[in-house]
Protein backbone atom coordinates (compact mmCIF):
# COMPACT_ATOMS: atom_id res chain seq x y z
CA VAL A 1 -10.96 -0.95 -82.48
CA ALA A 2 -11.03 -0.82 -86.29
CA ALA A 3 -11.21 2.98 -86.22
CA ALA A 4 -8.14 3.16 -83.99
CA ALA A 5 -6.21 0.82 -86.30
CA GLY A 6 -7.23 2.89 -89.31
CA ALA A 7 -6.24 6.15 -87.64
CA GLY A 8 -2.87 4.70 -86.71
CA SER A 9 -2.19 3.61 -90.25
CA LEU A 10 -3.10 7.05 -91.59
CA THR A 11 -0.71 8.81 -89.25
CA LYS A 12 2.13 6.50 -90.26
CA GLY A 13 1.61 7.04 -93.96
CA GLY A 14 -0.67 4.42 -95.40
CA MET A 15 -0.11 0.70 -95.06
CA GLU A 16 2.64 0.82 -92.43
CA GLY A 17 1.61 -0.22 -88.97
CA VAL A 18 -1.31 -2.35 -90.12
CA ALA A 19 -0.72 -5.91 -88.99
CA GLY A 20 0.65 -8.13 -91.72
CA THR A 21 1.08 -5.43 -94.36
CA GLU A 22 4.56 -4.15 -93.52
CA SER A 23 7.23 -6.07 -95.40
CA PRO A 24 9.77 -7.50 -92.94
CA LYS A 25 13.41 -6.56 -93.25
CA PRO A 26 15.49 -9.35 -94.69
CA SER A 27 17.22 -11.20 -91.90
CA PHE A 28 21.00 -11.54 -91.96
CA ASP A 29 21.93 -15.03 -93.12
CA PRO A 30 25.55 -16.05 -92.48
CA ALA A 31 25.19 -18.93 -94.96
CA ALA A 32 24.79 -16.37 -97.78
CA GLN A 33 28.12 -14.64 -97.06
CA ILE A 34 31.34 -14.97 -99.02
CA GLY A 35 33.21 -18.12 -98.04
CA ALA A 36 30.20 -20.39 -97.58
CA MET A 37 30.36 -22.63 -100.63
CA PRO A 38 29.54 -26.19 -101.62
CA PRO A 39 30.07 -28.93 -100.69
CA LEU A 40 30.49 -27.86 -97.05
CA GLY A 41 28.43 -24.68 -97.04
CA PHE A 42 28.35 -22.56 -93.89
CA PHE A 43 30.36 -24.43 -91.24
CA ASP A 44 29.47 -23.59 -87.64
CA PRO A 45 29.15 -26.90 -85.76
CA ALA A 46 29.14 -25.30 -82.30
CA GLY A 47 26.40 -22.83 -83.24
CA PHE A 48 28.27 -19.68 -82.16
CA CYS A 49 26.89 -17.52 -84.97
CA LYS A 50 23.13 -17.14 -84.75
CA LYS A 51 21.05 -16.32 -87.79
CA GLY A 52 20.27 -12.60 -87.84
CA ASP A 53 23.28 -11.58 -85.70
CA GLU A 54 25.36 -9.61 -88.19
CA SER A 55 27.56 -7.83 -85.63
CA GLY A 56 28.48 -11.12 -83.95
CA PHE A 57 29.24 -12.67 -87.34
CA ARG A 58 31.53 -9.76 -88.27
CA THR A 59 33.31 -10.01 -84.90
CA PHE A 60 33.90 -13.75 -85.28
CA ARG A 61 35.08 -13.32 -88.86
CA ALA A 62 37.59 -10.61 -87.87
CA ALA A 63 38.87 -12.78 -85.00
CA GLU A 64 39.25 -15.76 -87.34
CA ILE A 65 41.33 -13.71 -89.78
CA LYS A 66 43.55 -12.37 -86.96
CA HIS A 67 44.12 -15.84 -85.51
CA GLY A 68 44.86 -17.25 -88.95
CA ARG A 69 47.52 -14.60 -89.55
CA VAL A 70 49.15 -15.28 -86.18
CA ALA A 71 49.16 -19.02 -86.92
CA MET A 72 50.80 -18.45 -90.31
CA MET A 73 53.53 -16.32 -88.72
CA ALA A 74 54.08 -19.00 -86.07
CA ALA A 75 54.46 -21.67 -88.77
CA VAL A 76 57.00 -19.53 -90.63
CA GLY A 77 58.86 -18.93 -87.37
CA ALA A 78 58.97 -22.65 -86.61
CA VAL A 79 60.57 -23.34 -90.00
CA ILE A 80 63.00 -20.42 -89.81
CA GLN A 81 64.28 -21.31 -86.33
CA HIS A 82 65.50 -24.61 -87.72
CA TYR A 83 67.75 -22.89 -90.26
CA VAL A 84 68.75 -19.66 -88.48
CA LYS A 85 70.88 -20.07 -85.36
CA PHE A 86 72.07 -17.20 -83.22
CA PRO A 87 75.54 -17.59 -81.65
């Protein structure tokens, strides 16, 4: 068994493939992204964004920006309709 593990590590280029020697890729942490700041930190009470799911995080962030822009336009429209009357 040891010979097979050694042969596998040689074919991969040294230390790679040997259990416990390959350095793991850093996991995506949404709490380390821009916008997560004290005192609240990363706010996800429903747990939609899982740690390590970068594509889901990017999708939710883009949707949040889109919905925020639509809400701002709706607020402006609500104020303007009070002052502008069509005949």
